[in-house]
Amino acid sequence: MVKRKEILTAKEVAEYLDIHPLTVHRYAREGKIPAFKIGTDWRFHKKYIEQWIKQKVSSNFDNRKQNVSILEKI
């Protein structure tokens, strides 16, 4: 039986997103990424990280569609 890890460390999130761990810490501190603290350590629920990614992808796609629409009017 393979158990899926639900709670991730900042280092694991950094590896998952292919970004620097300090960037993950900064995003967490600034509230840009869903996170919670246990003592002084940031933790991340994988489900919410995946939802956050989907939201970012959707938002970026919508912004590109808007930009194309604006350019078509010019």
N, C-alpha and C. Protein backbone atom coordinates (compact mmCIF):
# COMPACT_ATOMS: atom_id res chain seq x y z
N MET A 1 0.84 -1.18 0.00
CA MET A 1 0.00 0.00 0.00
C MET A 1 0.88 1.25 0.00
N VAL A 2 0.62 2.14 -0.94
CA VAL A 2 1.38 3.38 -1.04
C VAL A 2 0.57 4.49 -0.38
N LYS A 3 1.18 5.14 0.62
CA LYS A 3 0.50 6.24 1.29
C LYS A 3 0.95 7.55 0.68
N ARG A 4 0.00 8.33 0.25
CA ARG A 4 0.29 9.62 -0.36
C ARG A 4 0.54 10.65 0.75
N LYS A 5 1.62 11.38 0.64
CA LYS A 5 1.96 12.38 1.64
C LYS A 5 1.08 13.61 1.42
N GLU A 6 0.36 14.01 2.46
CA GLU A 6 -0.58 15.13 2.36
C GLU A 6 0.03 16.46 2.79
N ILE A 7 0.88 16.44 3.81
CA ILE A 7 1.47 17.66 4.35
C ILE A 7 2.93 17.73 3.91
N LEU A 8 3.29 18.87 3.31
CA LEU A 8 4.63 19.04 2.75
C LEU A 8 5.40 20.12 3.50
N THR A 9 6.71 19.99 3.49
CA THR A 9 7.58 21.03 4.03
C THR A 9 7.84 22.06 2.94
N ALA A 10 8.45 23.17 3.33
CA ALA A 10 8.79 24.21 2.35
C ALA A 10 9.77 23.66 1.31
N LYS A 11 10.70 22.83 1.75
CA LYS A 11 11.67 22.25 0.83
C LYS A 11 10.97 21.35 -0.19
N GLU A 12 10.01 20.56 0.27
CA GLU A 12 9.27 19.68 -0.64
C GLU A 12 8.43 20.47 -1.63
N VAL A 13 7.82 21.55 -1.16
CA VAL A 13 7.03 22.41 -2.06
C VAL A 13 7.95 23.06 -3.09
N ALA A 14 9.12 23.50 -2.64
CA ALA A 14 10.09 24.10 -3.56
C ALA A 14 10.49 23.11 -4.65
N GLU A 15 10.73 21.87 -4.27
CA GLU A 15 11.07 20.84 -5.25
C GLU A 15 9.90 20.58 -6.19
N TYR A 16 8.70 20.52 -5.63
CA TYR A 16 7.49 20.26 -6.41
C TYR A 16 7.25 21.36 -7.44
N LEU A 17 7.50 22.63 -7.04
CA LEU A 17 7.27 23.77 -7.93
C LEU A 17 8.51 24.16 -8.71
N ASP A 18 9.63 23.53 -8.42
CA ASP A 18 10.91 23.84 -9.06
C ASP A 18 11.29 25.31 -8.86
N ILE A 19 11.19 25.75 -7.60
CA ILE A 19 11.61 27.10 -7.23
C ILE A 19 12.49 26.99 -5.98
N HIS A 20 13.11 28.08 -5.61
CA HIS A 20 14.01 28.09 -4.45
C HIS A 20 13.19 28.03 -3.15
N PRO A 21 13.68 27.30 -2.14
CA PRO A 21 12.96 27.23 -0.86
C PRO A 21 12.72 28.60 -0.22
N LEU A 22 13.64 29.54 -0.38
CA LEU A 22 13.42 30.87 0.19
C LEU A 22 12.24 31.59 -0.48
N THR A 23 12.01 31.29 -1.75
CA THR A 23 10.85 31.85 -2.44
C THR A 23 9.57 31.29 -1.84
N VAL A 24 9.57 30.02 -1.53
CA VAL A 24 8.40 29.39 -0.89
C VAL A 24 8.14 30.05 0.46
N HIS A 25 9.19 30.25 1.24
CA HIS A 25 9.05 30.91 2.55
C HIS A 25 8.49 32.33 2.38
N ARG A 26 9.00 33.06 1.42
CA ARG A 26 8.53 34.43 1.18
C ARG A 26 7.06 34.43 0.77
N TYR A 27 6.69 33.55 -0.15
CA TYR A 27 5.28 33.46 -0.58
C TYR A 27 4.38 33.13 0.61
N ALA A 28 4.81 32.22 1.47
CA ALA A 28 4.02 31.85 2.65
C ALA A 28 3.87 33.04 3.59
N ARG A 29 4.97 33.71 3.87
CA ARG A 29 4.96 34.89 4.75
C ARG A 29 4.03 35.98 4.23
N GLU A 30 4.04 36.17 2.91
CA GLU A 30 3.24 37.23 2.27
C GLU A 30 1.80 36.79 1.98
N GLY A 31 1.48 35.53 2.28
CA GLY A 31 0.13 35.03 2.04
C GLY A 31 -0.17 34.75 0.57
N LYS A 32 0.87 34.59 -0.22
CA LYS A 32 0.69 34.34 -1.66
C LYS A 32 0.47 32.87 -1.99
N ILE A 33 0.75 32.00 -1.02
CA ILE A 33 0.60 30.57 -1.22
C ILE A 33 -0.06 30.01 0.05
N PRO A 34 -0.98 29.05 -0.09
CA PRO A 34 -1.65 28.52 1.10
C PRO A 34 -0.67 27.76 2.00
N ALA A 35 -0.59 28.19 3.25
CA ALA A 35 0.38 27.59 4.17
C ALA A 35 -0.09 27.79 5.61
N PHE A 36 0.50 27.03 6.51
CA PHE A 36 0.27 27.21 7.94
C PHE A 36 1.56 26.90 8.66
N LYS A 37 1.64 27.38 9.88
CA LYS A 37 2.86 27.20 10.67
C LYS A 37 2.65 26.19 11.78
N ILE A 38 3.67 25.40 12.00
CA ILE A 38 3.76 24.54 13.17
C ILE A 38 5.03 25.00 13.87
N GLY A 39 4.85 25.72 14.96
CA GLY A 39 5.99 26.36 15.62
C GLY A 39 6.54 27.43 14.70
N THR A 40 7.79 27.28 14.31
CA THR A 40 8.41 28.25 13.40
C THR A 40 8.49 27.73 11.97
N ASP A 41 8.03 26.50 11.76
CA ASP A 41 8.15 25.86 10.44
C ASP A 41 6.87 25.99 9.63
N TRP A 42 7.02 26.34 8.36
CA TRP A 42 5.88 26.39 7.44
C TRP A 42 5.55 24.99 6.97
N ARG A 43 4.27 24.72 6.84
CA ARG A 43 3.78 23.47 6.27
C ARG A 43 2.72 23.79 5.24
N PHE A 44 2.54 22.87 4.30
CA PHE A 44 1.66 23.09 3.15
C PHE A 44 0.85 21.82 2.90
N HIS A 45 -0.44 21.99 2.75
CA HIS A 45 -1.30 20.85 2.43
C HIS A 45 -1.26 20.67 0.91
N LYS A 46 -0.87 19.49 0.46
CA LYS A 46 -0.68 19.26 -0.97
C LYS A 46 -1.93 19.58 -1.78
N LYS A 47 -3.10 19.24 -1.24
CA LYS A 47 -4.36 19.50 -1.96
C LYS A 47 -4.52 21.00 -2.24
N TYR A 48 -4.18 21.85 -1.27
CA TYR A 48 -4.33 23.29 -1.46
C TYR A 48 -3.26 23.86 -2.37
N ILE A 49 -2.09 23.26 -2.36
CA ILE A 49 -1.04 23.68 -3.30
C ILE A 49 -1.48 23.37 -4.73
N GLU A 50 -2.05 22.18 -4.93
CA GLU A 50 -2.53 21.81 -6.26
C GLU A 50 -3.67 22.72 -6.72
N GLN A 51 -4.58 23.09 -5.80
CA GLN A 51 -5.66 24.02 -6.15
C GLN A 51 -5.08 25.40 -6.49
N TRP A 52 -4.09 25.83 -5.74
CA TRP A 52 -3.43 27.12 -5.98
C TRP A 52 -2.79 27.13 -7.37
N ILE A 53 -2.15 26.04 -7.75
CA ILE A 53 -1.53 25.94 -9.08
C ILE A 53 -2.61 26.05 -10.16
N LYS A 54 -3.70 25.32 -9.99
CA LYS A 54 -4.79 25.38 -10.98
C LYS A 54 -5.35 26.79 -11.11
N GLN A 55 -5.48 27.48 -9.97
CA GLN A 55 -5.97 28.85 -9.99
C GLN A 55 -5.00 29.76 -10.75
N LYS A 56 -3.70 29.60 -10.51
CA LYS A 56 -2.69 30.41 -11.19
C LYS A 56 -2.71 30.15 -12.69
N VAL A 57 -2.82 28.90 -13.08
CA VAL A 57 -2.85 28.54 -14.50
C VAL A 57 -4.08 29.14 -15.15
N SER A 58 -5.23 29.01 -14.50
CA SER A 58 -6.47 29.56 -15.03
C SER A 58 -6.41 31.08 -15.14
N SER A 59 -5.88 31.72 -14.10
CA SER A 59 -5.75 33.17 -14.09
C SER A 59 -4.83 33.65 -15.22
N ASN A 60 -3.71 32.97 -15.39
CA ASN A 60 -2.78 33.34 -16.46
C ASN A 60 -3.42 33.15 -17.83
N PHE A 61 -4.18 32.07 -18.00
CA PHE A 61 -4.86 31.82 -19.26
C PHE A 61 -5.90 32.91 -19.54
N ASP A 62 -6.68 33.27 -18.51
CA ASP A 62 -7.69 34.32 -18.67
C ASP A 62 -7.04 35.66 -19.01
N ASN A 63 -5.91 35.97 -18.38
CA ASN A 63 -5.21 37.23 -18.66
C ASN A 63 -4.72 37.26 -20.11
N ARG A 64 -4.21 36.13 -20.60
CA ARG A 64 -3.75 36.08 -21.99
C ARG A 64 -4.91 36.27 -22.95
N LYS A 65 -6.06 35.66 -22.65
CA LYS A 65 -7.23 35.83 -23.50
C LYS A 65 -7.67 37.28 -23.52
N GLN A 66 -7.63 37.95 -22.35
CA GLN A 66 -8.00 39.37 -22.28
C GLN A 66 -7.04 40.21 -23.11
N ASN A 67 -5.76 39.93 -23.00
CA ASN A 67 -4.76 40.71 -23.74
C ASN A 67 -4.96 40.55 -25.24
N VAL A 68 -5.26 39.35 -25.70
CA VAL A 68 -5.51 39.12 -27.12
C VAL A 68 -6.76 39.89 -27.55
N SER A 69 -7.79 39.87 -26.72
CA SER A 69 -9.02 40.57 -27.03
C SER A 69 -8.77 42.08 -27.14
N ILE A 70 -7.99 42.62 -26.25
CA ILE A 70 -7.67 44.06 -26.28
C ILE A 70 -6.89 44.39 -27.54
N LEU A 71 -5.92 43.56 -27.88
CA LEU A 71 -5.10 43.81 -29.06
C LEU A 71 -5.92 43.73 -30.35
N GLU A 72 -6.94 42.86 -30.36
CA GLU A 72 -7.78 42.72 -31.54
C GLU A 72 -8.60 43.98 -31.77
N LYS A 73 -8.89 44.74 -30.70
CA LYS A 73 -9.69 45.96 -30.82
C LYS A 73 -8.87 47.13 -31.32
N ILE A 74 -7.58 47.02 -31.25
CA ILE A 74 -6.70 48.15 -31.65
C ILE A 74 -6.58 48.20 -33.15
